Amino acid sequence: MSLLRWLGLALVGVLLALLSAGWFFNQELAPVGTSDKSVLYRIQMGTTFGQVTQDLGEKKLIRNPDIFKLYVKLSGLQSKIQSGYYRLSPQMSSVDIVNKITQGLTEKIPYTIPEGYRINQASRRLNEYLLSPERYIEIAQKPDPGLFQKYPFLKPGKSLEGFLYPDTYFLQGVEKDLIEAQLKRFQEVILPLWEKRPPEHKLDLHQTITLASVVELEGLLDRELPVIAGVFLKRLSIGMKLESDPTTEYALGWHQGPKGLSLKDIRVDSPYNTYRYGGLPPGPIGNPGSAAIKAVLYPEKTAYLYFVARGDGSHAFSKSYSEHLSAVRRIYFGKS
């Protein structure tokens, strides 16, 4: 065999080997399946390329972690993986996944915390977004001392209950990032209101938020919040107990539901039980929105001392206990 022919055969062999390797490479980078059902995948800040590769393999989102790793290294992209949430599916090739996570094509994940929600309520759905409800509660109830320095409106040593502003947030980082976003929102929305508070307002910020959290959970209609705030402030001014169901529920750790509190419930020995103890509870019982806080800062001056829920979201207000009992009989028992 001539040298020229031998070289030709060798070249053909090399080309076939390269084509075969390329075919294998492309096959191993192909989509895992045909399902278009996407999953939410989160890359945390500081996660290494090796950890991402291993995780994608375990979740069956890539065919071959070794080939995936080789492709990313050959492309020089291993240092360009960006943290955030990504929508990935078995239909996506490894190349598509690499492009997505290195170009930062993240998902904006809205997380809505309703007004009045307590810390534990705000945390309940976080596991759906690959965050830890337990970690959120831990940070919020036992804050790092640095948070008190960063946000001087907070009361040192206290839980963050009341100051985690209820709103819609776009999840991006860890649990602490969500908490800081809530504190920043409180700083942006509530502190300007506080700084412009009327001179006759006698409560400090912590007391104001505490009362606003009670008002928030007592009232469903924004138009009634200033009246409810006025009732409670009047009670406080004459040394009368607040006797608020939501504060006692907070002490008990649950919501009363349609049946209301029992006599046993309102005897619970807790400083949050405003049927048993006078004045404000020791701290907020939830995280109020701006309408409830405004209601406490600008309450309606009223002669009312009592109110009872009608069942449609509104309340019947009364000036005396006898009027209040009549309203209760009328609403709950259909008696005049």
C-alpha atoms as a PDB file:
ATOM      1  CA  MET A   1       0.000   0.000   0.000  1.00  0.00           C
ATOM      2  CA  SER A   2       1.388   3.336  -1.014  1.00  0.00           C
ATOM      3  CA  LEU A   3       2.026   5.982   1.572  1.00  0.00           C
ATOM      4  CA  LEU A   4      -0.467   8.275  -0.116  1.00  0.00           C
ATOM      5  CA  ARG A   5      -3.206   5.677   0.028  1.00  0.00           C
ATOM      6  CA  TRP A   6      -2.406   4.886   3.650  1.00  0.00           C
ATOM      7  CA  LEU A   7      -2.592   8.555   4.572  1.00  0.00           C
ATOM      8  CA  GLY A   8      -5.925   8.819   2.771  1.00  0.00           C
ATOM      9  CA  LEU A   9      -7.367   5.889   4.668  1.00  0.00           C
ATOM     10  CA  ALA A  10      -6.033   7.284   7.943  1.00  0.00           C
ATOM     11  CA  LEU A  11      -7.630  10.648   7.217  1.00  0.00           C
ATOM     12  CA  VAL A  12     -10.964   8.972   6.462  1.00  0.00           C
ATOM     13  CA  GLY A  13     -10.671   7.098   9.754  1.00  0.00           C
ATOM     14  CA  VAL A  14      -9.974  10.299  11.665  1.00  0.00           C
ATOM     15  CA  LEU A  15     -12.921  12.031   9.999  1.00  0.00           C
ATOM     16  CA  LEU A  16     -15.213   9.111  10.799  1.00  0.00           C
ATOM     17  CA  ALA A  17     -13.997   9.135  14.402  1.00  0.00           C
ATOM     18  CA  LEU A  18     -14.610  12.863  14.663  1.00  0.00           C
ATOM     19  CA  LEU A  19     -18.064  12.518  13.134  1.00  0.00           C
ATOM     20  CA  SER A  20     -18.845   9.662  15.491  1.00  0.00           C
ATOM     21  CA  ALA A  21     -17.609  11.669  18.482  1.00  0.00           C
ATOM     22  CA  GLY A  22     -19.618  14.677  17.336  1.00  0.00           C
ATOM     23  CA  TRP A  23     -22.725  12.541  16.929  1.00  0.00           C
ATOM     24  CA  PHE A  24     -22.235  11.081  20.431  1.00  0.00           C
ATOM     25  CA  PHE A  25     -21.572  14.550  21.860  1.00  0.00           C
ATOM     26  CA  ASN A  26     -24.739  15.947  20.279  1.00  0.00           C
ATOM     27  CA  GLN A  27     -26.773  12.966  21.441  1.00  0.00           C
ATOM     28  CA  GLU A  28     -25.636  13.441  25.032  1.00  0.00           C
ATOM     29  CA  LEU A  29     -26.531  17.141  24.871  1.00  0.00           C
ATOM     30  CA  ALA A  30     -30.006  16.440  23.424  1.00  0.00           C
ATOM     31  CA  PRO A  31     -33.192  16.922  25.491  1.00  0.00           C
ATOM     32  CA  VAL A  32     -33.917  14.289  28.113  1.00  0.00           C
ATOM     33  CA  GLY A  33     -37.548  13.880  27.044  1.00  0.00           C
ATOM     34  CA  THR A  34     -40.529  15.385  25.249  1.00  0.00           C
ATOM     35  CA  SER A  35     -42.519  16.593  28.237  1.00  0.00           C
ATOM     36  CA  ASP A  36     -43.127  20.338  28.243  1.00  0.00           C
ATOM     37  CA  LYS A  37     -43.887  20.342  31.980  1.00  0.00           C
ATOM     38  CA  SER A  38     -41.496  22.903  33.406  1.00  0.00           C
ATOM     39  CA  VAL A  39     -39.939  22.947  36.846  1.00  0.00           C
ATOM     40  CA  LEU A  40     -38.760  25.910  38.871  1.00  0.00           C
ATOM     41  CA  TYR A  41     -35.020  25.591  39.368  1.00  0.00           C
ATOM     42  CA  ARG A  42     -33.128  27.881  41.713  1.00  0.00           C
ATOM     43  CA  ILE A  43     -29.406  28.641  41.664  1.00  0.00           C
ATOM     44  CA  GLN A  44     -28.342  30.242  44.906  1.00  0.00           C
ATOM     45  CA  MET A  45     -25.653  32.885  45.155  1.00  0.00           C
ATOM     46  CA  GLY A  46     -22.269  31.196  45.487  1.00  0.00           C
ATOM     47  CA  THR A  47     -23.368  27.845  44.017  1.00  0.00           C
ATOM     48  CA  THR A  48     -20.492  26.256  42.082  1.00  0.00           C
ATOM     49  CA  PHE A  49     -20.631  25.019  38.503  1.00  0.00           C
ATOM     50  CA  GLY A  50     -19.986  21.473  39.749  1.00  0.00           C
ATOM     51  CA  GLN A  51     -22.938  21.658  42.164  1.00  0.00           C
ATOM     52  CA  VAL A  52     -25.252  22.894  39.392  1.00  0.00           C
ATOM     53  CA  THR A  53     -24.135  20.084  37.085  1.00  0.00           C
ATOM     54  CA  GLN A  54     -24.688  17.426  39.751  1.00  0.00           C
ATOM     55  CA  ASP A  55     -28.077  18.880  40.671  1.00  0.00           C
ATOM     56  CA  LEU A  56     -29.297  19.034  37.059  1.00  0.00           C
ATOM     57  CA  GLY A  57     -28.257  15.414  36.605  1.00  0.00           C
ATOM     58  CA  GLU A  58     -30.094  14.294  39.758  1.00  0.00           C
ATOM     59  CA  LYS A  59     -33.232  16.129  38.631  1.00  0.00           C
ATOM     60  CA  LYS A  60     -33.042  14.381  35.232  1.00  0.00           C
ATOM     61  CA  LEU A  61     -32.848  17.679  33.351  1.00  0.00           C
ATOM     62  CA  ILE A  62     -29.632  16.740  31.498  1.00  0.00           C
ATOM     63  CA  ARG A  63     -28.608  13.394  29.985  1.00  0.00           C
ATOM     64  CA  ASN A  64     -24.939  13.211  30.840  1.00  0.00           C
ATOM     65  CA  PRO A  65     -23.404  15.389  33.573  1.00  0.00           C
ATOM     66  CA  ASP A  66     -19.860  14.623  32.381  1.00  0.00           C
ATOM     67  CA  ILE A  67     -20.587  15.710  28.806  1.00  0.00           C
ATOM     68  CA  PHE A  68     -22.523  18.716  30.110  1.00  0.00           C
ATOM     69  CA  LYS A  69     -19.532  19.694  32.237  1.00  0.00           C
ATOM     70  CA  LEU A  70     -17.130  19.212  29.300  1.00  0.00           C
ATOM     71  CA  TYR A  71     -19.317  21.309  26.975  1.00  0.00           C
ATOM     72  CA  VAL A  72     -19.510  24.183  29.491  1.00  0.00           C
ATOM     73  CA  LYS A  73     -15.737  24.103  30.078  1.00  0.00           C
ATOM     74  CA  LEU A  74     -14.943  24.009  26.347  1.00  0.00           C
ATOM     75  CA  SER A  75     -17.315  26.977  25.898  1.00  0.00           C
ATOM     76  CA  GLY A  76     -15.558  28.877  28.703  1.00  0.00           C
ATOM     77  CA  LEU A  77     -18.870  29.476  30.476  1.00  0.00           C
ATOM     78  CA  GLN A  78     -18.276  27.746  33.817  1.00  0.00           C
ATOM     79  CA  SER A  79     -17.693  31.058  35.616  1.00  0.00           C
ATOM     80  CA  LYS A  80     -20.705  32.783  34.050  1.00  0.00           C
ATOM     81  CA  ILE A  81     -23.515  30.847  35.749  1.00  0.00           C
ATOM     82  CA  GLN A  82     -25.867  33.355  37.392  1.00  0.00           C
ATOM     83  CA  SER A  83     -28.018  32.947  40.490  1.00  0.00           C
ATOM     84  CA  GLY A  84     -31.789  33.197  40.329  1.00  0.00           C
ATOM     85  CA  TYR A  85     -34.911  31.228  39.407  1.00  0.00           C
ATOM     86  CA  TYR A  86     -35.132  29.441  36.053  1.00  0.00           C
ATOM     87  CA  ARG A  87     -37.929  27.616  34.248  1.00  0.00           C
ATOM     88  CA  LEU A  88     -36.448  24.410  32.878  1.00  0.00           C
ATOM     89  CA  SER A  89     -38.084  21.417  31.204  1.00  0.00           C
ATOM     90  CA  PRO A  90     -37.073  17.987  29.833  1.00  0.00           C
ATOM     91  CA  GLN A  91     -37.726  19.388  26.336  1.00  0.00           C
ATOM     92  CA  MET A  92     -34.736  21.700  26.648  1.00  0.00           C
ATOM     93  CA  SER A  93     -31.350  20.593  25.359  1.00  0.00           C
ATOM     94  CA  SER A  94     -28.283  20.972  27.542  1.00  0.00           C
ATOM     95  CA  VAL A  95     -27.179  23.790  25.237  1.00  0.00           C
ATOM     96  CA  ASP A  96     -30.480  25.632  25.860  1.00  0.00           C
ATOM     97  CA  ILE A  97     -30.085  25.172  29.621  1.00  0.00           C
ATOM     98  CA  VAL A  98     -26.496  26.451  29.525  1.00  0.00           C
ATOM     99  CA  ASN A  99     -27.555  29.524  27.539  1.00  0.00           C
ATOM    100  CA  LYS A 100     -30.346  30.252  29.992  1.00  0.00           C
ATOM    101  CA  ILE A 101     -28.334  29.976  33.203  1.00  0.00           C
ATOM    102  CA  THR A 102     -25.267  31.788  31.873  1.00  0.00           C
ATOM    103  CA  GLN A 103     -27.204  34.670  30.302  1.00  0.00           C
ATOM    104  CA  GLY A 104     -29.224  35.194  33.481  1.00  0.00           C
ATOM    105  CA  LEU A 105     -32.600  34.587  31.813  1.00  0.00           C
ATOM    106  CA  THR A 106     -34.241  34.330  35.211  1.00  0.00           C
ATOM    107  CA  GLU A 107     -37.909  34.214  36.151  1.00  0.00           C
ATOM    108  CA  LYS A 108     -39.490  36.985  38.192  1.00  0.00           C
ATOM    109  CA  ILE A 109     -41.383  35.072  40.861  1.00  0.00           C
ATOM    110  CA  PRO A 110     -44.088  37.194  42.536  1.00  0.00           C
ATOM    111  CA  TYR A 111     -44.826  36.405  46.168  1.00  0.00           C
ATOM    112  CA  THR A 112     -47.758  38.238  47.722  1.00  0.00           C
ATOM    113  CA  ILE A 113     -48.044  38.728  51.478  1.00  0.00           C
ATOM    114  CA  PRO A 114     -51.547  39.975  52.379  1.00  0.00           C
ATOM    115  CA  GLU A 115     -52.120  42.784  54.864  1.00  0.00           C
ATOM    116  CA  GLY A 116     -52.359  41.616  58.450  1.00  0.00           C
ATOM    117  CA  TYR A 117     -50.489  38.366  57.913  1.00  0.00           C
ATOM    118  CA  ARG A 118     -48.345  37.185  60.802  1.00  0.00           C
ATOM    119  CA  ILE A 119     -44.778  36.011  60.289  1.00  0.00           C
ATOM    120  CA  ASN A 120     -45.787  32.344  60.257  1.00  0.00           C
ATOM    121  CA  GLN A 121     -48.603  33.013  57.763  1.00  0.00           C
ATOM    122  CA  ALA A 122     -46.275  34.942  55.449  1.00  0.00           C
ATOM    123  CA  SER A 123     -43.879  31.991  55.393  1.00  0.00           C
ATOM    124  CA  ARG A 124     -46.324  29.207  54.558  1.00  0.00           C
ATOM    125  CA  ARG A 125     -45.919  28.982  50.777  1.00  0.00           C
ATOM    126  CA  LEU A 126     -42.190  29.701  50.611  1.00  0.00           C
ATOM    127  CA  ASN A 127     -41.349  26.009  50.207  1.00  0.00           C
ATOM    128  CA  GLU A 128     -43.149  26.125  46.841  1.00  0.00           C
ATOM    129  CA  TYR A 129     -40.425  28.536  45.741  1.00  0.00           C
ATOM    130  CA  LEU A 130     -37.532  26.473  47.123  1.00  0.00           C
ATOM    131  CA  LEU A 131     -37.155  28.663  50.194  1.00  0.00           C
ATOM    132  CA  SER A 132     -37.411  27.533  53.814  1.00  0.00           C
ATOM    133  CA  PRO A 133     -40.458  28.690  55.804  1.00  0.00           C
ATOM    134  CA  GLU A 134     -38.668  27.668  58.990  1.00  0.00           C
ATOM    135  CA  ARG A 135     -35.626  29.781  58.132  1.00  0.00           C
ATOM    136  CA  TYR A 136     -37.825  32.787  57.337  1.00  0.00           C
ATOM    137  CA  ILE A 137     -39.587  32.465  60.718  1.00  0.00           C
ATOM    138  CA  GLU A 138     -36.282  32.042  62.534  1.00  0.00           C
ATOM    139  CA  ILE A 139     -34.753  35.181  61.004  1.00  0.00           C
ATOM    140  CA  ALA A 140     -37.914  37.234  61.569  1.00  0.00           C
ATOM    141  CA  GLN A 141     -38.444  36.161  65.174  1.00  0.00           C
ATOM    142  CA  LYS A 142     -34.790  36.249  66.236  1.00  0.00           C
ATOM    143  CA  PRO A 143     -33.211  38.878  63.973  1.00  0.00           C
ATOM    144  CA  ASP A 144     -29.506  39.306  63.514  1.00  0.00           C
ATOM    145  CA  PRO A 145     -28.325  42.339  65.578  1.00  0.00           C
ATOM    146  CA  GLY A 146     -27.060  43.888  62.347  1.00  0.00           C
ATOM    147  CA  LEU A 147     -30.643  44.417  61.179  1.00  0.00           C
ATOM    148  CA  PHE A 148     -31.339  46.693  64.165  1.00  0.00           C
ATOM    149  CA  GLN A 149     -28.361  48.839  63.192  1.00  0.00           C
ATOM    150  CA  LYS A 150     -29.339  48.897  59.526  1.00  0.00           C
ATOM    151  CA  TYR A 151     -32.983  49.720  60.273  1.00  0.00           C
ATOM    152  CA  PRO A 152     -33.004  51.942  63.381  1.00  0.00           C
ATOM    153  CA  PHE A 153     -36.808  52.140  63.435  1.00  0.00           C
ATOM    154  CA  LEU A 154     -36.813  48.552  64.753  1.00  0.00           C
ATOM    155  CA  LYS A 155     -36.891  47.877  68.486  1.00  0.00           C
ATOM    156  CA  PRO A 156     -33.682  46.031  69.492  1.00  0.00           C
ATOM    157  CA  GLY A 157     -34.186  42.512  70.746  1.00  0.00           C
ATOM    158  CA  LYS A 158     -37.763  42.297  69.467  1.00  0.00           C
ATOM    159  CA  SER A 159     -39.326  40.183  66.734  1.00  0.00           C
ATOM    160  CA  LEU A 160     -39.829  41.856  63.349  1.00  0.00           C
ATOM    161  CA  GLU A 161     -43.584  41.216  63.601  1.00  0.00           C
ATOM    162  CA  GLY A 162     -45.417  44.337  62.468  1.00  0.00           C
ATOM    163  CA  PHE A 163     -42.551  45.783  60.423  1.00  0.00           C
ATOM    164  CA  LEU A 164     -42.450  43.256  57.577  1.00  0.00           C
ATOM    165  CA  TYR A 165     -44.511  45.285  55.161  1.00  0.00           C
ATOM    166  CA  PRO A 166     -47.214  43.276  53.335  1.00  0.00           C
ATOM    167  CA  ASP A 167     -46.874  43.627  49.577  1.00  0.00           C
ATOM    168  CA  THR A 168     -45.934  41.684  46.437  1.00  0.00           C
ATOM    169  CA  TYR A 169     -42.230  40.889  46.209  1.00  0.00           C
ATOM    170  CA  PHE A 170     -40.184  39.272  43.469  1.00  0.00           C
ATOM    171  CA  LEU A 171     -38.173  36.421  44.947  1.00  0.00           C
ATOM    172  CA  GLN A 172     -34.534  36.310  43.932  1.00  0.00           C
ATOM    173  CA  GLY A 173     -32.285  35.519  46.871  1.00  0.00           C
ATOM    174  CA  VAL A 174     -32.461  33.720  50.194  1.00  0.00           C
ATOM    175  CA  GLU A 175     -35.004  34.127  53.012  1.00  0.00           C
ATOM    176  CA  LYS A 176     -33.090  37.037  54.545  1.00  0.00           C
ATOM    177  CA  ASP A 177     -33.344  38.934  51.235  1.00  0.00           C
ATOM    178  CA  LEU A 178     -37.150  38.734  51.322  1.00  0.00           C
ATOM    179  CA  ILE A 179     -37.181  39.994  54.915  1.00  0.00           C
ATOM    180  CA  GLU A 180     -34.864  42.872  54.024  1.00  0.00           C
ATOM    181  CA  ALA A 181     -37.066  43.745  51.040  1.00  0.00           C
ATOM    182  CA  GLN A 182     -40.043  43.955  53.421  1.00  0.00           C
ATOM    183  CA  LEU A 183     -38.138  46.154  55.864  1.00  0.00           C
ATOM    184  CA  LYS A 184     -37.002  48.449  53.035  1.00  0.00           C
ATOM    185  CA  ARG A 185     -40.600  48.710  51.832  1.00  0.00           C
ATOM    186  CA  PHE A 186     -41.725  49.638  55.361  1.00  0.00           C
ATOM    187  CA  GLN A 187     -38.996  52.276  55.402  1.00  0.00           C
ATOM    188  CA  GLU A 188     -40.136  53.670  52.053  1.00  0.00           C
ATOM    189  CA  VAL A 189     -43.901  53.637  52.662  1.00  0.00           C
ATOM    190  CA  ILE A 190     -44.480  54.002  56.406  1.00  0.00           C
ATOM    191  CA  LEU A 191     -41.627  56.131  57.726  1.00  0.00           C
ATOM    192  CA  PRO A 192     -42.681  59.172  55.629  1.00  0.00           C
ATOM    193  CA  LEU A 193     -46.195  58.810  57.121  1.00  0.00           C
ATOM    194  CA  TRP A 194     -44.697  58.553  60.592  1.00  0.00           C
ATOM    195  CA  GLU A 195     -42.515  61.626  60.149  1.00  0.00           C
ATOM    196  CA  LYS A 196     -45.606  63.664  59.184  1.00  0.00           C
ATOM    197  CA  ARG A 197     -47.757  62.342  62.037  1.00  0.00           C
ATOM    198  CA  PRO A 198     -50.041  64.902  63.714  1.00  0.00           C
ATOM    199  CA  PRO A 199     -48.658  66.517  66.883  1.00  0.00           C
ATOM    200  CA  GLU A 200     -51.570  65.204  68.973  1.00  0.00           C
ATOM    201  CA  HIS A 201     -50.571  61.586  68.256  1.00  0.00           C
ATOM    202  CA  LYS A 202     -49.140  60.307  71.560  1.00  0.00           C
ATOM    203  CA  LEU A 203     -48.088  56.726  70.741  1.00  0.00           C
ATOM    204  CA  ASP A 204     -44.508  55.909  69.754  1.00  0.00           C
ATOM    205  CA  LEU A 205     -43.785  54.026  66.516  1.00  0.00           C
ATOM    206  CA  HIS A 206     -43.805  50.562  68.095  1.00  0.00           C
ATOM    207  CA  GLN A 207     -47.093  51.274  69.888  1.00  0.00           C
ATOM    208  CA  THR A 208     -48.572  52.711  66.704  1.00  0.00           C
ATOM    209  CA  ILE A 209     -47.727  49.610  64.679  1.00  0.00           C
ATOM    210  CA  THR A 210     -48.986  47.401  67.506  1.00  0.00           C
ATOM    211  CA  LEU A 211     -52.379  49.113  67.532  1.00  0.00           C
ATOM    212  CA  ALA A 212     -52.486  49.220  63.713  1.00  0.00           C
ATOM    213  CA  SER A 213     -51.991  45.439  63.625  1.00  0.00           C
ATOM    214  CA  VAL A 214     -55.055  45.039  65.869  1.00  0.00           C
ATOM    215  CA  VAL A 215     -57.095  47.482  63.771  1.00  0.00           C
ATOM    216  CA  GLU A 216     -56.027  45.644  60.589  1.00  0.00           C
ATOM    217  CA  LEU A 217     -57.356  42.327  61.861  1.00  0.00           C
ATOM    218  CA  GLU A 218     -60.555  43.776  63.301  1.00  0.00           C
ATOM    219  CA  GLY A 219     -61.623  45.630  60.158  1.00  0.00           C
ATOM    220  CA  LEU A 220     -62.268  44.348  56.653  1.00  0.00           C
ATOM    221  CA  LEU A 221     -63.425  47.627  55.127  1.00  0.00           C
ATOM    222  CA  ASP A 222     -60.898  50.445  54.763  1.00  0.00           C
ATOM    223  CA  ARG A 223     -63.595  53.047  55.421  1.00  0.00           C
ATOM    224  CA  GLU A 224     -64.207  51.587  58.887  1.00  0.00           C
ATOM    225  CA  LEU A 225     -60.565  51.412  59.973  1.00  0.00           C
ATOM    226  CA  PRO A 226     -60.384  55.032  61.279  1.00  0.00           C
ATOM    227  CA  VAL A 227     -63.559  54.417  63.318  1.00  0.00           C
ATOM    228  CA  ILE A 228     -62.184  51.182  64.805  1.00  0.00           C
ATOM    229  CA  ALA A 229     -58.911  52.963  65.577  1.00  0.00           C
ATOM    230  CA  GLY A 230     -60.919  55.753  67.226  1.00  0.00           C
ATOM    231  CA  VAL A 231     -62.793  53.234  69.407  1.00  0.00           C
ATOM    232  CA  PHE A 232     -59.581  51.596  70.618  1.00  0.00           C
ATOM    233  CA  LEU A 233     -57.820  54.907  71.262  1.00  0.00           C
ATOM    234  CA  LYS A 234     -60.834  56.112  73.229  1.00  0.00           C
ATOM    235  CA  ARG A 235     -60.780  52.907  75.290  1.00  0.00           C
ATOM    236  CA  LEU A 236     -57.077  53.362  75.995  1.00  0.00           C
ATOM    237  CA  SER A 237     -57.617  56.982  77.036  1.00  0.00           C
ATOM    238  CA  ILE A 238     -60.187  56.037  79.692  1.00  0.00           C
ATOM    239  CA  GLY A 239     -58.363  52.933  80.952  1.00  0.00           C
ATOM    240  CA  MET A 240     -60.807  50.486  79.396  1.00  0.00           C
ATOM    241  CA  LYS A 241     -59.546  47.105  78.114  1.00  0.00           C
ATOM    242  CA  LEU A 242     -59.333  46.681  74.338  1.00  0.00           C
ATOM    243  CA  GLU A 243     -61.075  43.270  74.499  1.00  0.00           C
ATOM    244  CA  SER A 244     -60.001  42.429  70.957  1.00  0.00           C
ATOM    245  CA  ASP A 245     -60.520  38.898  69.658  1.00  0.00           C
ATOM    246  CA  PRO A 246     -57.472  38.944  67.302  1.00  0.00           C
ATOM    247  CA  THR A 247     -55.085  39.686  70.179  1.00  0.00           C
ATOM    248  CA  THR A 248     -56.414  36.703  72.115  1.00  0.00           C
ATOM    249  CA  GLU A 249     -56.179  34.549  68.985  1.00  0.00           C
ATOM    250  CA  TYR A 250     -52.537  35.577  68.747  1.00  0.00           C
ATOM    251  CA  ALA A 251     -52.042  34.440  72.333  1.00  0.00           C
ATOM    252  CA  LEU A 252     -53.708  31.113  71.516  1.00  0.00           C
ATOM    253  CA  GLY A 253     -51.824  30.705  68.240  1.00  0.00           C
ATOM    254  CA  TRP A 254     -54.840  30.193  65.995  1.00  0.00           C
ATOM    255  CA  HIS A 255     -57.797  31.876  64.276  1.00  0.00           C
ATOM    256  CA  GLN A 256     -61.193  31.684  65.883  1.00  0.00           C
ATOM    257  CA  GLY A 257     -63.212  30.883  62.763  1.00  0.00           C
ATOM    258  CA  PRO A 258     -67.001  31.412  62.599  1.00  0.00           C
ATOM    259  CA  LYS A 259     -67.760  30.206  66.135  1.00  0.00           C
ATOM    260  CA  GLY A 260     -65.866  32.945  67.933  1.00  0.00           C
ATOM    261  CA  LEU A 261     -63.902  32.758  71.144  1.00  0.00           C
ATOM    262  CA  SER A 262     -65.135  30.738  74.105  1.00  0.00           C
ATOM    263  CA  LEU A 263     -65.132  31.849  77.749  1.00  0.00           C
ATOM    264  CA  LYS A 264     -62.197  29.498  78.279  1.00  0.00           C
ATOM    265  CA  ASP A 265     -60.309  31.153  75.414  1.00  0.00           C
ATOM    266  CA  ILE A 266     -60.608  34.652  76.810  1.00  0.00           C
ATOM    267  CA  ARG A 267     -59.251  33.518  80.167  1.00  0.00           C
ATOM    268  CA  VAL A 268     -55.893  32.474  78.694  1.00  0.00           C
ATOM    269  CA  ASP A 269     -53.074  33.976  80.743  1.00  0.00           C
ATOM    270  CA  SER A 270     -51.067  35.918  78.180  1.00  0.00           C
ATOM    271  CA  PRO A 271     -50.106  39.606  77.934  1.00  0.00           C
ATOM    272  CA  TYR A 272     -51.583  39.406  74.421  1.00  0.00           C
ATOM    273  CA  ASN A 273     -54.999  38.593  75.894  1.00  0.00           C
ATOM    274  CA  THR A 274     -56.623  42.033  75.936  1.00  0.00           C
ATOM    275  CA  TYR A 275     -59.719  40.620  77.638  1.00  0.00           C
ATOM    276  CA  ARG A 276     -57.548  39.903  80.663  1.00  0.00           C
ATOM    277  CA  TYR A 277     -54.920  42.653  80.548  1.00  0.00           C
ATOM    278  CA  GLY A 278     -55.326  46.380  79.985  1.00  0.00           C
ATOM    279  CA  GLY A 279     -53.419  48.570  77.561  1.00  0.00           C
ATOM    280  CA  LEU A 280     -51.797  47.518  74.329  1.00  0.00           C
ATOM    281  CA  PRO A 281     -50.399  44.018  73.829  1.00  0.00           C
ATOM    282  CA  PRO A 282     -46.592  43.770  74.104  1.00  0.00           C
ATOM    283  CA  GLY A 283     -46.113  43.986  70.346  1.00  0.00           C
ATOM    284  CA  PRO A 284     -47.800  43.736  66.952  1.00  0.00           C
ATOM    285  CA  ILE A 285     -49.977  40.694  66.252  1.00  0.00           C
ATOM    286  CA  GLY A 286     -49.454  40.837  62.492  1.00  0.00           C
ATOM    287  CA  ASN A 287     -48.062  43.070  59.770  1.00  0.00           C
ATOM    288  CA  PRO A 288     -50.481  45.912  59.022  1.00  0.00           C
ATOM    289  CA  GLY A 289     -50.828  47.717  55.729  1.00  0.00           C
ATOM    290  CA  SER A 290     -50.700  51.466  55.194  1.00  0.00           C
ATOM    291  CA  ALA A 291     -54.488  51.967  55.534  1.00  0.00           C
ATOM    292  CA  ALA A 292     -54.525  50.554  59.085  1.00  0.00           C
ATOM    293  CA  ILE A 293     -51.447  52.559  60.068  1.00  0.00           C
ATOM    294  CA  LYS A 294     -52.982  55.747  58.650  1.00  0.00           C
ATOM    295  CA  ALA A 295     -56.157  54.970  60.597  1.00  0.00           C
ATOM    296  CA  VAL A 296     -54.202  54.951  63.866  1.00  0.00           C
ATOM    297  CA  LEU A 297     -52.343  58.142  62.958  1.00  0.00           C
ATOM    298  CA  TYR A 298     -55.554  59.869  61.813  1.00  0.00           C
ATOM    299  CA  PRO A 299     -58.384  58.167  63.748  1.00  0.00           C
ATOM    300  CA  GLU A 300     -61.977  59.284  63.595  1.00  0.00           C
ATOM    301  CA  LYS A 301     -62.886  61.101  66.784  1.00  0.00           C
ATOM    302  CA  THR A 302     -65.862  59.134  68.007  1.00  0.00           C
ATOM    303  CA  ALA A 303     -68.101  58.581  71.000  1.00  0.00           C
ATOM    304  CA  TYR A 304     -68.297  54.872  70.159  1.00  0.00           C
ATOM    305  CA  LEU A 305     -66.856  52.372  72.628  1.00  0.00           C
ATOM    306  CA  TYR A 306     -68.122  49.094  71.147  1.00  0.00           C
ATOM    307  CA  PHE A 307     -68.544  47.394  67.789  1.00  0.00           C
ATOM    308  CA  VAL A 308     -69.767  44.036  66.565  1.00  0.00           C
ATOM    309  CA  ALA A 309     -69.311  42.369  63.171  1.00  0.00           C
ATOM    310  CA  ARG A 310     -72.434  42.156  61.023  1.00  0.00           C
ATOM    311  CA  GLY A 311     -71.138  39.202  59.014  1.00  0.00           C
ATOM    312  CA  ASP A 312     -70.827  41.076  55.731  1.00  0.00           C
ATOM    313  CA  GLY A 313     -67.493  42.742  56.530  1.00  0.00           C
ATOM    314  CA  SER A 314     -69.048  45.783  58.177  1.00  0.00           C
ATOM    315  CA  HIS A 315     -69.638  46.550  61.879  1.00  0.00           C
ATOM    316  CA  ALA A 316     -72.370  48.000  64.039  1.00  0.00           C
ATOM    317  CA  PHE A 317     -70.912  50.640  66.385  1.00  0.00           C
ATOM    318  CA  SER A 318     -72.391  51.535  69.779  1.00  0.00           C
ATOM    319  CA  LYS A 319     -71.798  54.222  72.407  1.00  0.00           C
ATOM    320  CA  SER A 320     -72.919  52.229  75.436  1.00  0.00           C
ATOM    321  CA  TYR A 321     -72.819  48.638  76.595  1.00  0.00           C
ATOM    322  CA  SER A 322     -76.622  48.372  76.522  1.00  0.00           C
ATOM    323  CA  GLU A 323     -76.651  49.555  72.886  1.00  0.00           C
ATOM    324  CA  HIS A 324     -73.910  47.032  72.119  1.00  0.00           C
ATOM    325  CA  LEU A 325     -75.910  44.159  73.653  1.00  0.00           C
ATOM    326  CA  SER A 326     -78.937  45.195  71.590  1.00  0.00           C
ATOM    327  CA  ALA A 327     -76.802  45.155  68.444  1.00  0.00           C
ATOM    328  CA  VAL A 328     -75.468  41.685  69.316  1.00  0.00           C
ATOM    329  CA  ARG A 329     -78.990  40.333  69.899  1.00  0.00           C
ATOM    330  CA  ARG A 330     -80.214  41.867  66.668  1.00  0.00           C
ATOM    331  CA  ILE A 331     -77.315  40.617  64.528  1.00  0.00           C
ATOM    332  CA  TYR A 332     -76.786  37.152  65.975  1.00  0.00           C
ATOM    333  CA  PHE A 333     -80.211  36.220  67.265  1.00  0.00           C
ATOM    334  CA  GLY A 334     -82.558  38.320  65.142  1.00  0.00           C
ATOM    335  CA  LYS A 335     -84.018  40.005  68.219  1.00  0.00           C
ATOM    336  CA  SER A 336     -84.629  43.697  68.594  1.00  0.00           C
END
